[in-house]
Amino acid sequence: MIDEALLRELLDAADDDSALVLLEGRARVADRATRRGDDLRGAAVVLTRAELVDRLGTAHPAPQAMTLMAASLDDAVGKLGG
């Protein structure tokens, strides 16, 4: 569900308020305005771009850091459903 490509998309977002969100078992990146729209009503925010940069310590992380972060987030999200 959450992979390095989604995290890269979030890091590449122009707005620090862009976020990785979950809705109906699917993860995607959305900016603040999109999150407020009807299409994402009820979506859960996993983390914002600013929070991701803070956790990684940089906006330009090593590939290994992205892999580990994606695995950690995917594991945490997977545990929410059970």
N, C-alpha and C. Protein backbone atom coordinates (compact mmCIF):
# COMPACT_ATOMS: atom_id res chain seq x y z
N MET A 1 0.83 -1.19 0.00
CA MET A 1 0.00 0.00 0.00
C MET A 1 0.88 1.26 0.00
N ILE A 2 1.74 1.40 1.00
CA ILE A 2 2.64 2.56 1.05
C ILE A 2 4.02 2.10 0.60
N ASP A 3 4.51 2.74 -0.45
CA ASP A 3 5.82 2.38 -0.98
C ASP A 3 6.68 3.62 -1.20
N GLU A 4 7.89 3.39 -1.66
CA GLU A 4 8.83 4.49 -1.86
C GLU A 4 8.31 5.51 -2.88
N ALA A 5 7.60 5.04 -3.89
CA ALA A 5 7.08 5.95 -4.91
C ALA A 5 6.09 6.95 -4.31
N LEU A 6 5.23 6.50 -3.41
CA LEU A 6 4.30 7.42 -2.75
C LEU A 6 5.04 8.42 -1.87
N LEU A 7 6.06 7.95 -1.16
CA LEU A 7 6.83 8.86 -0.31
C LEU A 7 7.60 9.87 -1.16
N ARG A 8 8.12 9.42 -2.30
CA ARG A 8 8.83 10.34 -3.20
C ARG A 8 7.85 11.38 -3.74
N GLU A 9 6.64 10.95 -4.09
CA GLU A 9 5.62 11.88 -4.56
C GLU A 9 5.30 12.92 -3.49
N LEU A 10 5.22 12.48 -2.25
CA LEU A 10 4.96 13.41 -1.16
C LEU A 10 6.12 14.37 -0.97
N LEU A 11 7.35 13.87 -1.01
CA LEU A 11 8.51 14.76 -0.87
C LEU A 11 8.60 15.76 -2.02
N ASP A 12 8.16 15.36 -3.20
CA ASP A 12 8.22 16.23 -4.37
C ASP A 12 7.09 17.26 -4.42
N ALA A 13 6.12 17.12 -3.52
CA ALA A 13 5.00 18.07 -3.48
C ALA A 13 5.52 19.46 -3.10
N ALA A 14 4.94 20.46 -3.70
CA ALA A 14 5.40 21.83 -3.46
C ALA A 14 4.99 22.37 -2.10
N ASP A 15 3.93 21.84 -1.55
CA ASP A 15 3.34 22.37 -0.32
C ASP A 15 3.64 21.46 0.87
N ASP A 16 4.18 22.02 1.95
CA ASP A 16 4.46 21.24 3.15
C ASP A 16 3.19 20.66 3.77
N ASP A 17 2.01 21.21 3.43
CA ASP A 17 0.75 20.70 3.95
C ASP A 17 0.19 19.56 3.10
N SER A 18 0.85 19.23 2.00
CA SER A 18 0.44 18.05 1.25
C SER A 18 0.61 16.86 2.16
N ALA A 19 -0.22 15.84 1.97
CA ALA A 19 -0.19 14.71 2.90
C ALA A 19 -0.42 13.39 2.20
N LEU A 20 0.06 12.35 2.85
CA LEU A 20 -0.25 10.99 2.46
C LEU A 20 -1.52 10.64 3.20
N VAL A 21 -2.56 10.26 2.47
CA VAL A 21 -3.85 9.97 3.08
C VAL A 21 -4.31 8.56 2.71
N LEU A 22 -5.18 8.03 3.55
CA LEU A 22 -5.79 6.72 3.30
C LEU A 22 -7.30 6.88 3.20
N LEU A 23 -7.86 6.24 2.20
CA LEU A 23 -9.31 6.23 2.05
C LEU A 23 -9.70 4.91 1.40
N GLU A 24 -10.56 4.19 2.08
CA GLU A 24 -11.07 2.91 1.57
C GLU A 24 -9.93 1.96 1.19
N GLY A 25 -8.92 1.90 2.05
CA GLY A 25 -7.82 0.97 1.83
C GLY A 25 -6.80 1.38 0.80
N ARG A 26 -6.90 2.60 0.29
CA ARG A 26 -5.97 3.07 -0.73
C ARG A 26 -5.22 4.29 -0.22
N ALA A 27 -3.94 4.34 -0.51
CA ALA A 27 -3.10 5.47 -0.12
C ALA A 27 -2.85 6.36 -1.33
N ARG A 28 -2.81 7.67 -1.07
CA ARG A 28 -2.48 8.62 -2.13
C ARG A 28 -1.98 9.90 -1.52
N VAL A 29 -1.37 10.73 -2.33
CA VAL A 29 -0.89 12.04 -1.91
C VAL A 29 -1.91 13.07 -2.34
N ALA A 30 -2.23 13.99 -1.42
CA ALA A 30 -3.21 15.03 -1.73
C ALA A 30 -2.80 16.33 -1.05
N ASP A 31 -3.03 17.44 -1.75
CA ASP A 31 -2.76 18.74 -1.12
C ASP A 31 -3.93 19.10 -0.21
N ARG A 32 -3.76 20.17 0.54
CA ARG A 32 -4.77 20.55 1.53
C ARG A 32 -6.13 20.80 0.89
N ALA A 33 -6.17 21.51 -0.22
CA ALA A 33 -7.45 21.82 -0.87
C ALA A 33 -8.16 20.55 -1.32
N THR A 34 -7.43 19.62 -1.88
CA THR A 34 -8.02 18.36 -2.32
C THR A 34 -8.55 17.56 -1.15
N ARG A 35 -7.83 17.57 -0.03
CA ARG A 35 -8.28 16.83 1.16
C ARG A 35 -9.59 17.38 1.70
N ARG A 36 -9.86 18.64 1.46
CA ARG A 36 -11.10 19.25 1.95
C ARG A 36 -12.28 18.99 1.03
N GLY A 37 -12.02 18.43 -0.14
CA GLY A 37 -13.09 18.19 -1.11
C GLY A 37 -13.87 16.93 -0.81
N ASP A 38 -14.95 16.77 -1.53
CA ASP A 38 -15.84 15.62 -1.35
C ASP A 38 -15.17 14.29 -1.68
N ASP A 39 -14.24 14.28 -2.66
CA ASP A 39 -13.61 13.02 -3.07
C ASP A 39 -12.82 12.36 -1.95
N LEU A 40 -12.32 13.15 -1.02
CA LEU A 40 -11.52 12.58 0.07
C LEU A 40 -12.18 12.75 1.43
N ARG A 41 -13.48 12.97 1.44
CA ARG A 41 -14.20 13.07 2.72
C ARG A 41 -14.02 11.77 3.49
N GLY A 42 -13.58 11.88 4.72
CA GLY A 42 -13.37 10.71 5.57
C GLY A 42 -11.98 10.11 5.47
N ALA A 43 -11.13 10.69 4.64
CA ALA A 43 -9.77 10.16 4.51
C ALA A 43 -8.96 10.42 5.78
N ALA A 44 -8.10 9.48 6.13
CA ALA A 44 -7.22 9.62 7.29
C ALA A 44 -5.86 10.10 6.81
N VAL A 45 -5.34 11.13 7.45
CA VAL A 45 -4.01 11.63 7.13
C VAL A 45 -2.98 10.77 7.85
N VAL A 46 -2.06 10.19 7.09
CA VAL A 46 -0.98 9.40 7.67
C VAL A 46 0.13 10.33 8.14
N LEU A 47 0.59 11.21 7.27
CA LEU A 47 1.55 12.25 7.63
C LEU A 47 1.65 13.27 6.52
N THR A 48 2.08 14.47 6.89
CA THR A 48 2.25 15.55 5.92
C THR A 48 3.67 15.53 5.38
N ARG A 49 3.89 16.31 4.35
CA ARG A 49 5.24 16.43 3.78
C ARG A 49 6.21 16.93 4.84
N ALA A 50 5.79 17.95 5.59
CA ALA A 50 6.66 18.50 6.63
C ALA A 50 7.02 17.45 7.68
N GLU A 51 6.06 16.63 8.07
CA GLU A 51 6.33 15.58 9.05
C GLU A 51 7.28 14.52 8.48
N LEU A 52 7.12 14.20 7.20
CA LEU A 52 8.00 13.22 6.57
C LEU A 52 9.43 13.74 6.53
N VAL A 53 9.61 14.99 6.14
CA VAL A 53 10.96 15.59 6.11
C VAL A 53 11.55 15.58 7.51
N ASP A 54 10.74 15.90 8.51
CA ASP A 54 11.23 15.91 9.89
C ASP A 54 11.67 14.51 10.31
N ARG A 55 10.89 13.50 9.99
CA ARG A 55 11.24 12.12 10.37
C ARG A 55 12.49 11.63 9.65
N LEU A 56 12.63 12.00 8.38
CA LEU A 56 13.78 11.57 7.61
C LEU A 56 15.02 12.41 7.90
N GLY A 57 14.81 13.63 8.38
CA GLY A 57 15.93 14.52 8.65
C GLY A 57 16.40 15.31 7.45
N THR A 58 15.77 15.10 6.29
CA THR A 58 16.15 15.78 5.06
C THR A 58 15.05 15.61 4.02
N ALA A 59 15.02 16.53 3.06
CA ALA A 59 14.09 16.40 1.95
C ALA A 59 14.70 15.57 0.81
N HIS A 60 15.97 15.19 0.99
CA HIS A 60 16.68 14.42 -0.03
C HIS A 60 17.32 13.18 0.61
N PRO A 61 16.49 12.25 1.08
CA PRO A 61 17.01 11.08 1.80
C PRO A 61 17.67 10.06 0.87
N ALA A 62 18.49 9.23 1.47
CA ALA A 62 19.10 8.11 0.76
C ALA A 62 18.01 7.09 0.43
N PRO A 63 18.20 6.34 -0.63
CA PRO A 63 17.20 5.33 -1.00
C PRO A 63 16.88 4.36 0.13
N GLN A 64 17.89 3.97 0.91
CA GLN A 64 17.65 3.04 2.01
C GLN A 64 16.72 3.64 3.05
N ALA A 65 16.86 4.93 3.31
CA ALA A 65 15.99 5.60 4.28
C ALA A 65 14.55 5.60 3.79
N MET A 66 14.36 5.80 2.49
CA MET A 66 13.01 5.78 1.92
C MET A 66 12.40 4.38 2.02
N THR A 67 13.20 3.37 1.76
CA THR A 67 12.72 1.99 1.85
C THR A 67 12.29 1.67 3.27
N LEU A 68 13.11 2.03 4.24
CA LEU A 68 12.79 1.76 5.64
C LEU A 68 11.57 2.53 6.09
N MET A 69 11.45 3.80 5.70
CA MET A 69 10.30 4.60 6.09
C MET A 69 9.03 4.04 5.47
N ALA A 70 9.08 3.67 4.21
CA ALA A 70 7.90 3.10 3.55
C ALA A 70 7.47 1.81 4.24
N ALA A 71 8.42 0.97 4.58
CA ALA A 71 8.08 -0.29 5.25
C ALA A 71 7.48 -0.03 6.62
N SER A 72 8.04 0.92 7.35
CA SER A 72 7.53 1.26 8.67
C SER A 72 6.11 1.80 8.60
N LEU A 73 5.86 2.72 7.69
CA LEU A 73 4.52 3.29 7.54
C LEU A 73 3.53 2.24 7.07
N ASP A 74 3.95 1.41 6.13
CA ASP A 74 3.05 0.37 5.62
C ASP A 74 2.68 -0.61 6.74
N ASP A 75 3.65 -0.96 7.55
CA ASP A 75 3.38 -1.85 8.69
C ASP A 75 2.40 -1.21 9.68
N ALA A 76 2.64 0.06 10.01
CA ALA A 76 1.77 0.76 10.95
C ALA A 76 0.35 0.87 10.42
N VAL A 77 0.20 1.20 9.16
CA VAL A 77 -1.11 1.32 8.54
C VAL A 77 -1.80 -0.04 8.48
N GLY A 78 -1.04 -1.08 8.19
CA GLY A 78 -1.59 -2.42 8.14
C GLY A 78 -2.16 -2.87 9.49
N LYS A 79 -1.54 -2.42 10.55
CA LYS A 79 -1.99 -2.77 11.90
C LYS A 79 -3.25 -2.01 12.31
N LEU A 80 -3.54 -0.92 11.64
CA LEU A 80 -4.75 -0.15 11.95
C LEU A 80 -6.01 -0.94 11.62
N GLY A 81 -5.94 -1.74 10.58
CA GLY A 81 -7.12 -2.48 10.13
C GLY A 81 -7.44 -3.69 10.98
N GLY A 82 -6.51 -4.16 11.79
CA GLY A 82 -6.73 -5.40 12.49
C GLY A 82 -6.95 -5.21 13.93
